[in-house]
């Protein structure tokens, strides 16, 4: 997949529709997601107690797979490091204007 530079999300009653374009304005992502599945994943990842700086790709996943991922993340430190997002990075975030956030950062 090409690099998505702009991502739009249409949130309807039961679906999320994702639209991604690259730097040239070419559509590179069209994806329809079932709303309750997205919310399930977000809720299960919230069990980590910290934000995630990385990518999560889930295909036909459910609570069992989500919680297995959370357990694996917490158990195996070779996949991540703990980091702090500084005030400068938060300056665009109206929800957290002046506080640092502890987060998990995925290691390449």
C-alpha atoms as a PDB file:
ATOM      1  CA  UNK A   1       0.000   0.000   0.000  1.00  0.00           C
ATOM      2  CA  UNK A   2       1.200   3.521  -0.751  1.00  0.00           C
ATOM      3  CA  UNK A   3       1.780   6.084   1.997  1.00  0.00           C
ATOM      4  CA  UNK A   4      -1.462   7.661   3.244  1.00  0.00           C
ATOM      5  CA  UNK A   5      -0.883  11.352   3.972  1.00  0.00           C
ATOM      6  CA  UNK A   6      -4.490  12.365   4.662  1.00  0.00           C
ATOM      7  CA  UNK A   7      -7.116  10.138   6.227  1.00  0.00           C
ATOM      8  CA  UNK A   8     -10.799  10.945   6.398  1.00  0.00           C
ATOM      9  CA  UNK A   9     -13.274   9.040   8.540  1.00  0.00           C
ATOM     10  CA  UNK A  10     -17.022   9.071   7.923  1.00  0.00           C
ATOM     11  CA  UNK A  11     -18.751   7.923  11.091  1.00  0.00           C
ATOM     12  CA  UNK A  12     -22.254   6.676  10.359  1.00  0.00           C
ATOM     13  CA  UNK A  13     -24.603   4.916  12.756  1.00  0.00           C
ATOM     14  CA  UNK A  14     -23.221   1.401  12.188  1.00  0.00           C
ATOM     15  CA  UNK A  15     -20.130   1.865   9.977  1.00  0.00           C
ATOM     16  CA  UNK A  16     -16.877   3.787   9.728  1.00  0.00           C
ATOM     17  CA  UNK A  17     -15.807   4.543   6.156  1.00  0.00           C
ATOM     18  CA  UNK A  18     -12.087   5.351   5.781  1.00  0.00           C
ATOM     19  CA  UNK A  19     -10.792   7.400   2.844  1.00  0.00           C
ATOM     20  CA  UNK A  20      -7.041   7.849   2.457  1.00  0.00           C
ATOM     21  CA  UNK A  21      -5.107   9.845  -0.125  1.00  0.00           C
ATOM     22  CA  UNK A  22      -1.383  10.153  -0.813  1.00  0.00           C
ATOM     23  CA  UNK A  23       0.661  13.349  -1.194  1.00  0.00           C
ATOM     24  CA  UNK A  24      -0.534  13.719  -4.802  1.00  0.00           C
ATOM     25  CA  UNK A  25      -4.223  13.476  -3.886  1.00  0.00           C
ATOM     26  CA  UNK A  26      -4.582   9.966  -5.317  1.00  0.00           C
ATOM     27  CA  UNK A  27      -6.983   7.712  -3.414  1.00  0.00           C
ATOM     28  CA  UNK A  28      -4.932   4.864  -1.923  1.00  0.00           C
ATOM     29  CA  UNK A  29      -7.313   3.582   0.759  1.00  0.00           C
ATOM     30  CA  UNK A  30     -11.033   2.890   0.827  1.00  0.00           C
ATOM     31  CA  UNK A  31     -12.158   0.736   3.691  1.00  0.00           C
ATOM     32  CA  UNK A  32     -15.478   0.119   5.399  1.00  0.00           C
ATOM     33  CA  UNK A  33     -15.322  -0.921   9.040  1.00  0.00           C
ATOM     34  CA  UNK A  34     -18.120  -2.130  11.270  1.00  0.00           C
ATOM     35  CA  UNK A  35     -18.433   0.410  14.087  1.00  0.00           C
ATOM     36  CA  UNK A  36     -18.847  -2.009  16.999  1.00  0.00           C
ATOM     37  CA  UNK A  37     -15.744  -3.981  15.938  1.00  0.00           C
ATOM     38  CA  UNK A  38     -13.616  -0.804  15.904  1.00  0.00           C
ATOM     39  CA  UNK A  39     -14.945   0.223  19.312  1.00  0.00           C
ATOM     40  CA  UNK A  40     -14.276  -3.295  20.673  1.00  0.00           C
ATOM     41  CA  UNK A  41     -10.643  -3.096  19.541  1.00  0.00           C
ATOM     42  CA  UNK A  42     -10.153   0.394  20.987  1.00  0.00           C
ATOM     43  CA  UNK A  43     -11.693  -0.695  24.292  1.00  0.00           C
ATOM     44  CA  UNK A  44      -9.568  -3.821  24.518  1.00  0.00           C
ATOM     45  CA  UNK A  45      -6.366  -1.890  23.736  1.00  0.00           C
ATOM     46  CA  UNK A  46      -7.306   0.594  26.461  1.00  0.00           C
ATOM     47  CA  UNK A  47      -6.520  -2.236  28.912  1.00  0.00           C
ATOM     48  CA  UNK A  48      -2.857  -1.328  28.343  1.00  0.00           C
ATOM     49  CA  UNK A  49      -3.430   1.857  30.302  1.00  0.00           C
ATOM     50  CA  UNK A  50      -1.278   3.898  27.930  1.00  0.00           C
ATOM     51  CA  UNK A  51      -1.529   5.260  24.422  1.00  0.00           C
ATOM     52  CA  UNK A  52       0.046   3.361  21.537  1.00  0.00           C
ATOM     53  CA  UNK A  53       2.454   5.038  19.130  1.00  0.00           C
ATOM     54  CA  UNK A  54       2.393   2.548  16.291  1.00  0.00           C
ATOM     55  CA  UNK A  55       0.083   0.728  13.922  1.00  0.00           C
ATOM     56  CA  UNK A  56      -2.533  -1.871  14.700  1.00  0.00           C
ATOM     57  CA  UNK A  57      -3.830  -4.067  11.898  1.00  0.00           C
ATOM     58  CA  UNK A  58      -6.649  -6.460  12.747  1.00  0.00           C
ATOM     59  CA  UNK A  59      -8.477  -8.730  10.305  1.00  0.00           C
ATOM     60  CA  UNK A  60     -11.524 -10.654  11.528  1.00  0.00           C
ATOM     61  CA  UNK A  61     -10.324 -10.208  15.089  1.00  0.00           C
ATOM     62  CA  UNK A  62     -12.404 -10.499  18.237  1.00  0.00           C
ATOM     63  CA  UNK A  63     -12.015  -9.957  21.976  1.00  0.00           C
ATOM     64  CA  UNK A  64      -9.916 -13.105  22.412  1.00  0.00           C
ATOM     65  CA  UNK A  65      -7.366 -11.953  19.839  1.00  0.00           C
ATOM     66  CA  UNK A  66      -7.372  -8.375  21.174  1.00  0.00           C
ATOM     67  CA  UNK A  67      -6.719  -9.443  24.747  1.00  0.00           C
ATOM     68  CA  UNK A  68      -4.052 -11.904  23.565  1.00  0.00           C
ATOM     69  CA  UNK A  69      -2.332  -8.961  21.856  1.00  0.00           C
ATOM     70  CA  UNK A  70      -2.526  -6.876  25.039  1.00  0.00           C
ATOM     71  CA  UNK A  71      -1.055  -9.770  27.058  1.00  0.00           C
ATOM     72  CA  UNK A  72       1.749 -10.235  24.520  1.00  0.00           C
ATOM     73  CA  UNK A  73       2.583  -6.514  24.524  1.00  0.00           C
ATOM     74  CA  UNK A  74       2.780  -6.435  28.316  1.00  0.00           C
ATOM     75  CA  UNK A  75       4.727  -9.711  28.533  1.00  0.00           C
ATOM     76  CA  UNK A  76       7.345  -9.163  25.807  1.00  0.00           C
ATOM     77  CA  UNK A  77       9.413  -5.962  26.122  1.00  0.00           C
ATOM     78  CA  UNK A  78      11.328  -6.702  22.909  1.00  0.00           C
ATOM     79  CA  UNK A  79       8.435  -5.273  20.867  1.00  0.00           C
ATOM     80  CA  UNK A  80       8.110  -1.891  22.551  1.00  0.00           C
ATOM     81  CA  UNK A  81       9.588   0.753  24.766  1.00  0.00           C
ATOM     82  CA  UNK A  82       7.911   3.148  27.139  1.00  0.00           C
ATOM     83  CA  UNK A  83       8.162   6.792  26.139  1.00  0.00           C
ATOM     84  CA  UNK A  84       6.748  10.173  27.048  1.00  0.00           C
ATOM     85  CA  UNK A  85       5.055  12.414  24.535  1.00  0.00           C
ATOM     86  CA  UNK A  86       6.294  15.918  25.291  1.00  0.00           C
ATOM     87  CA  UNK A  87       4.364  19.192  25.407  1.00  0.00           C
ATOM     88  CA  UNK A  88       5.590  20.199  21.952  1.00  0.00           C
ATOM     89  CA  UNK A  89       4.037  17.111  20.394  1.00  0.00           C
ATOM     90  CA  UNK A  90       0.810  17.818  22.269  1.00  0.00           C
ATOM     91  CA  UNK A  91       0.524  21.447  21.167  1.00  0.00           C
ATOM     92  CA  UNK A  92      -1.950  20.492  18.412  1.00  0.00           C
ATOM     93  CA  UNK A  93      -4.077  18.486  20.834  1.00  0.00           C
ATOM     94  CA  UNK A  94      -6.796  20.547  22.522  1.00  0.00           C
ATOM     95  CA  UNK A  95      -7.557  17.684  24.909  1.00  0.00           C
ATOM     96  CA  UNK A  96      -4.071  17.717  26.473  1.00  0.00           C
ATOM     97  CA  UNK A  97      -2.622  21.220  26.124  1.00  0.00           C
ATOM     98  CA  UNK A  98       0.108  21.008  28.769  1.00  0.00           C
ATOM     99  CA  UNK A  99       0.512  17.517  30.166  1.00  0.00           C
ATOM    100  CA  UNK A 100       2.849  14.693  29.212  1.00  0.00           C
ATOM    101  CA  UNK A 101       1.359  11.348  28.238  1.00  0.00           C
ATOM    102  CA  UNK A 102       3.008   8.000  28.905  1.00  0.00           C
ATOM    103  CA  UNK A 103       2.795   5.785  25.843  1.00  0.00           C
ATOM    104  CA  UNK A 104       3.987   2.528  24.313  1.00  0.00           C
ATOM    105  CA  UNK A 105       6.188   3.055  21.258  1.00  0.00           C
ATOM    106  CA  UNK A 106       6.491   0.192  18.784  1.00  0.00           C
ATOM    107  CA  UNK A 107      10.063  -0.849  17.951  1.00  0.00           C
ATOM    108  CA  UNK A 108      10.971  -1.545  14.335  1.00  0.00           C
END
